[in-house]
Amino acid sequence: MGSDDGEDFVFNMNKLRKEIVFYIVEEHSFSTTEEKGPRRMMSKANPHFVPFSRSTAKRELLYMYMGDRDRVTDILVTTLRRICFLFDN
């Protein structure tokens, strides 16, 4: 059996939660995580799925933002005098 049949798949709830947050950022409501339809769909797709609240989704988004903000800050600090911003009105 090849790798396309799903035998090599390893469920990772943290990665899935991050992808759901990306879905929310694309103009969906945080309450999507608490709706019956999406919860039922995810539990059918993978029985290991653990439903989470809109508060958890908001917290996850904040953690993602803070991590990205810190990475961008580090990049800007280490590339001092090497960045040029151009604006076209």
N, C-alpha and C. Protein backbone atom coordinates (compact mmCIF):
# COMPACT_ATOMS: atom_id res chain seq x y z
N MET A 1 0.83 -1.18 0.00
CA MET A 1 0.00 0.00 0.00
C MET A 1 0.88 1.24 0.00
N GLY A 2 0.48 2.24 -0.77
CA GLY A 2 1.27 3.46 -0.89
C GLY A 2 0.91 4.50 0.15
N SER A 3 1.62 5.60 0.09
CA SER A 3 1.39 6.67 1.06
C SER A 3 0.11 7.44 0.76
N ASP A 4 -0.50 7.24 -0.41
CA ASP A 4 -1.72 7.95 -0.75
C ASP A 4 -2.95 7.37 -0.07
N ASP A 5 -2.84 6.20 0.55
CA ASP A 5 -4.01 5.60 1.16
C ASP A 5 -4.23 6.04 2.61
N GLY A 6 -3.41 6.95 3.12
CA GLY A 6 -3.62 7.50 4.45
C GLY A 6 -2.96 6.75 5.58
N GLU A 7 -2.25 5.67 5.29
CA GLU A 7 -1.62 4.89 6.35
C GLU A 7 -0.53 5.66 7.07
N ASP A 8 0.12 6.59 6.41
CA ASP A 8 1.20 7.35 7.02
C ASP A 8 0.70 8.60 7.74
N PHE A 9 -0.61 8.84 7.72
CA PHE A 9 -1.19 10.03 8.32
C PHE A 9 -1.10 9.97 9.84
N VAL A 10 -0.67 11.08 10.44
CA VAL A 10 -0.63 11.20 11.89
C VAL A 10 -1.44 12.44 12.25
N PHE A 11 -2.49 12.25 13.04
CA PHE A 11 -3.36 13.36 13.43
C PHE A 11 -2.63 14.28 14.40
N ASN A 12 -2.71 15.59 14.14
CA ASN A 12 -2.09 16.58 15.00
C ASN A 12 -3.13 17.67 15.29
N MET A 13 -3.71 17.65 16.48
CA MET A 13 -4.77 18.59 16.83
C MET A 13 -4.27 20.03 16.80
N ASN A 14 -3.05 20.27 17.18
CA ASN A 14 -2.52 21.64 17.17
C ASN A 14 -2.45 22.20 15.75
N LYS A 15 -2.01 21.38 14.81
CA LYS A 15 -1.96 21.83 13.40
C LYS A 15 -3.36 22.09 12.87
N LEU A 16 -4.30 21.22 13.23
CA LEU A 16 -5.68 21.39 12.78
C LEU A 16 -6.28 22.66 13.37
N ARG A 17 -6.04 22.91 14.65
CA ARG A 17 -6.56 24.11 15.29
C ARG A 17 -6.02 25.36 14.59
N LYS A 18 -4.75 25.34 14.23
CA LYS A 18 -4.13 26.46 13.51
C LYS A 18 -4.81 26.66 12.16
N GLU A 19 -5.09 25.58 11.45
CA GLU A 19 -5.75 25.69 10.14
C GLU A 19 -7.18 26.22 10.29
N ILE A 20 -7.86 25.84 11.35
CA ILE A 20 -9.21 26.35 11.59
C ILE A 20 -9.14 27.85 11.86
N VAL A 21 -8.14 28.30 12.59
CA VAL A 21 -7.96 29.73 12.85
C VAL A 21 -7.68 30.46 11.54
N PHE A 22 -6.87 29.89 10.65
CA PHE A 22 -6.65 30.50 9.33
C PHE A 22 -7.98 30.62 8.58
N TYR A 23 -8.82 29.60 8.68
CA TYR A 23 -10.14 29.62 8.05
C TYR A 23 -10.98 30.78 8.60
N ILE A 24 -10.93 30.97 9.91
CA ILE A 24 -11.69 32.06 10.53
C ILE A 24 -11.17 33.41 10.06
N VAL A 25 -9.87 33.55 9.95
CA VAL A 25 -9.27 34.82 9.52
C VAL A 25 -9.73 35.19 8.12
N GLU A 26 -10.08 34.21 7.32
CA GLU A 26 -10.56 34.46 5.95
C GLU A 26 -12.03 34.88 5.95
N GLU A 27 -12.40 35.75 6.91
CA GLU A 27 -13.74 36.34 6.98
C GLU A 27 -14.83 35.39 7.44
N HIS A 28 -14.53 34.53 8.38
CA HIS A 28 -15.54 33.69 8.99
C HIS A 28 -15.64 34.06 10.47
N SER A 29 -16.73 33.69 11.07
CA SER A 29 -16.99 34.04 12.46
C SER A 29 -16.26 33.11 13.43
N PHE A 30 -15.80 33.67 14.56
CA PHE A 30 -15.20 32.84 15.59
C PHE A 30 -16.20 31.81 16.12
N SER A 31 -17.48 32.13 16.05
CA SER A 31 -18.51 31.21 16.55
C SER A 31 -18.62 29.95 15.68
N THR A 32 -17.97 29.95 14.51
CA THR A 32 -17.97 28.77 13.65
C THR A 32 -17.48 27.55 14.43
N THR A 33 -16.54 27.77 15.35
CA THR A 33 -15.97 26.65 16.11
C THR A 33 -16.99 26.01 17.04
N GLU A 34 -18.08 26.73 17.33
CA GLU A 34 -19.09 26.22 18.26
C GLU A 34 -20.36 25.74 17.57
N GLU A 35 -20.42 25.88 16.25
CA GLU A 35 -21.61 25.46 15.52
C GLU A 35 -21.64 23.94 15.34
N LYS A 36 -22.84 23.39 15.35
CA LYS A 36 -23.00 21.93 15.26
C LYS A 36 -22.47 21.35 13.96
N GLY A 37 -22.75 22.02 12.84
CA GLY A 37 -22.35 21.49 11.53
C GLY A 37 -20.84 21.28 11.40
N PRO A 38 -20.05 22.33 11.62
CA PRO A 38 -18.60 22.14 11.52
C PRO A 38 -18.04 21.14 12.53
N ARG A 39 -18.60 21.13 13.74
CA ARG A 39 -18.13 20.16 14.75
C ARG A 39 -18.43 18.72 14.31
N ARG A 40 -19.63 18.51 13.77
CA ARG A 40 -20.01 17.18 13.32
C ARG A 40 -19.13 16.75 12.14
N MET A 41 -18.90 17.68 11.20
CA MET A 41 -18.08 17.39 10.04
C MET A 41 -16.66 17.00 10.46
N MET A 42 -16.07 17.76 11.39
CA MET A 42 -14.70 17.49 11.82
C MET A 42 -14.62 16.16 12.58
N SER A 43 -15.63 15.86 13.39
CA SER A 43 -15.58 14.59 14.13
C SER A 43 -15.75 13.40 13.20
N LYS A 44 -16.47 13.57 12.10
CA LYS A 44 -16.60 12.50 11.10
C LYS A 44 -15.30 12.35 10.32
N ALA A 45 -14.64 13.49 10.03
CA ALA A 45 -13.38 13.44 9.29
C ALA A 45 -12.29 12.78 10.12
N ASN A 46 -12.30 13.05 11.43
CA ASN A 46 -11.31 12.43 12.31
C ASN A 46 -11.89 12.31 13.71
N PRO A 47 -12.07 11.11 14.19
CA PRO A 47 -12.67 10.90 15.51
C PRO A 47 -11.81 11.44 16.66
N HIS A 48 -10.56 11.77 16.40
CA HIS A 48 -9.69 12.32 17.44
C HIS A 48 -9.84 13.84 17.58
N PHE A 49 -10.66 14.44 16.71
CA PHE A 49 -10.87 15.89 16.77
C PHE A 49 -11.51 16.27 18.10
N VAL A 50 -10.95 17.29 18.76
CA VAL A 50 -11.49 17.79 20.02
C VAL A 50 -12.07 19.17 19.76
N PRO A 51 -13.40 19.31 19.85
CA PRO A 51 -14.00 20.62 19.61
C PRO A 51 -13.46 21.66 20.59
N PHE A 52 -13.39 22.91 20.13
CA PHE A 52 -12.92 23.97 21.00
C PHE A 52 -13.79 25.20 20.82
N SER A 53 -13.71 26.11 21.77
CA SER A 53 -14.59 27.27 21.80
C SER A 53 -14.03 28.43 20.99
N ARG A 54 -14.86 29.45 20.82
CA ARG A 54 -14.41 30.67 20.15
C ARG A 54 -13.32 31.36 20.96
N SER A 55 -13.36 31.23 22.28
CA SER A 55 -12.32 31.82 23.13
C SER A 55 -10.97 31.17 22.85
N THR A 56 -10.97 29.85 22.67
CA THR A 56 -9.73 29.14 22.34
C THR A 56 -9.22 29.59 20.98
N ALA A 57 -10.12 29.77 20.01
CA ALA A 57 -9.72 30.22 18.68
C ALA A 57 -9.12 31.62 18.75
N LYS A 58 -9.72 32.50 19.53
CA LYS A 58 -9.19 33.86 19.68
C LYS A 58 -7.81 33.84 20.33
N ARG A 59 -7.67 33.01 21.35
CA ARG A 59 -6.38 32.90 22.04
C ARG A 59 -5.31 32.35 21.10
N GLU A 60 -5.66 31.36 20.31
CA GLU A 60 -4.73 30.77 19.33
C GLU A 60 -4.29 31.83 18.31
N LEU A 61 -5.24 32.64 17.84
CA LEU A 61 -4.92 33.69 16.89
C LEU A 61 -3.98 34.72 17.51
N LEU A 62 -4.21 35.07 18.76
CA LEU A 62 -3.34 36.01 19.45
C LEU A 62 -1.92 35.45 19.57
N TYR A 63 -1.79 34.17 19.92
CA TYR A 63 -0.46 33.53 20.01
C TYR A 63 0.24 33.53 18.65
N MET A 64 -0.52 33.25 17.60
CA MET A 64 0.06 33.24 16.25
C MET A 64 0.54 34.65 15.89
N TYR A 65 -0.27 35.66 16.20
CA TYR A 65 0.10 37.05 15.92
C TYR A 65 1.37 37.43 16.68
N MET A 66 1.41 37.12 17.97
CA MET A 66 2.57 37.48 18.78
C MET A 66 3.84 36.81 18.27
N GLY A 67 3.75 35.57 17.87
CA GLY A 67 4.91 34.87 17.32
C GLY A 67 5.38 35.49 16.02
N ASP A 68 4.43 35.81 15.13
CA ASP A 68 4.79 36.45 13.86
C ASP A 68 5.35 37.84 14.10
N ARG A 69 4.74 38.58 15.02
CA ARG A 69 5.23 39.93 15.34
C ARG A 69 6.66 39.88 15.83
N ASP A 70 6.95 38.93 16.71
CA ASP A 70 8.31 38.81 17.25
C ASP A 70 9.32 38.43 16.16
N ARG A 71 8.92 37.54 15.24
CA ARG A 71 9.81 37.16 14.14
C ARG A 71 10.09 38.35 13.23
N VAL A 72 9.06 39.13 12.91
CA VAL A 72 9.25 40.29 12.04
C VAL A 72 10.12 41.33 12.75
N THR A 73 9.91 41.52 14.03
CA THR A 73 10.74 42.46 14.80
C THR A 73 12.19 42.04 14.75
N ASP A 74 12.45 40.75 14.96
CA ASP A 74 13.83 40.25 14.90
C ASP A 74 14.46 40.49 13.53
N ILE A 75 13.69 40.26 12.49
CA ILE A 75 14.19 40.47 11.13
C ILE A 75 14.52 41.94 10.91
N LEU A 76 13.62 42.82 11.34
CA LEU A 76 13.86 44.25 11.14
C LEU A 76 15.07 44.74 11.94
N VAL A 77 15.25 44.22 13.14
CA VAL A 77 16.39 44.62 13.97
C VAL A 77 17.70 44.15 13.36
N THR A 78 17.73 42.95 12.81
CA THR A 78 18.98 42.41 12.26
C THR A 78 19.29 42.94 10.87
N THR A 79 18.32 43.56 10.21
CA THR A 79 18.56 44.09 8.87
C THR A 79 18.56 45.61 8.87
N LEU A 80 18.97 46.18 9.97
CA LEU A 80 19.01 47.62 10.11
C LEU A 80 19.76 48.26 8.94
N ARG A 81 19.19 49.29 8.37
CA ARG A 81 19.75 50.05 7.25
C ARG A 81 19.75 49.27 5.93
N ARG A 82 19.04 48.18 5.87
CA ARG A 82 19.01 47.41 4.63
C ARG A 82 17.61 47.34 4.03
N ILE A 83 16.68 48.05 4.62
CA ILE A 83 15.30 48.00 4.15
C ILE A 83 14.91 49.37 3.61
N CYS A 84 14.23 49.35 2.49
CA CYS A 84 13.74 50.59 1.89
C CYS A 84 12.25 50.40 1.61
N PHE A 85 11.44 51.28 2.16
CA PHE A 85 10.01 51.23 1.91
C PHE A 85 9.67 52.25 0.84
N LEU A 86 8.96 51.83 -0.17
CA LEU A 86 8.53 52.72 -1.23
C LEU A 86 7.00 52.73 -1.25
N PHE A 87 6.43 53.92 -1.39
CA PHE A 87 4.99 54.04 -1.43
C PHE A 87 4.59 54.72 -2.71
N ASP A 88 3.56 54.22 -3.34
CA ASP A 88 3.06 54.81 -4.58
C ASP A 88 1.65 55.32 -4.31
N ASN A 89 1.50 56.62 -4.37
CA ASN A 89 0.16 57.20 -4.14
C ASN A 89 -0.61 57.17 -5.42
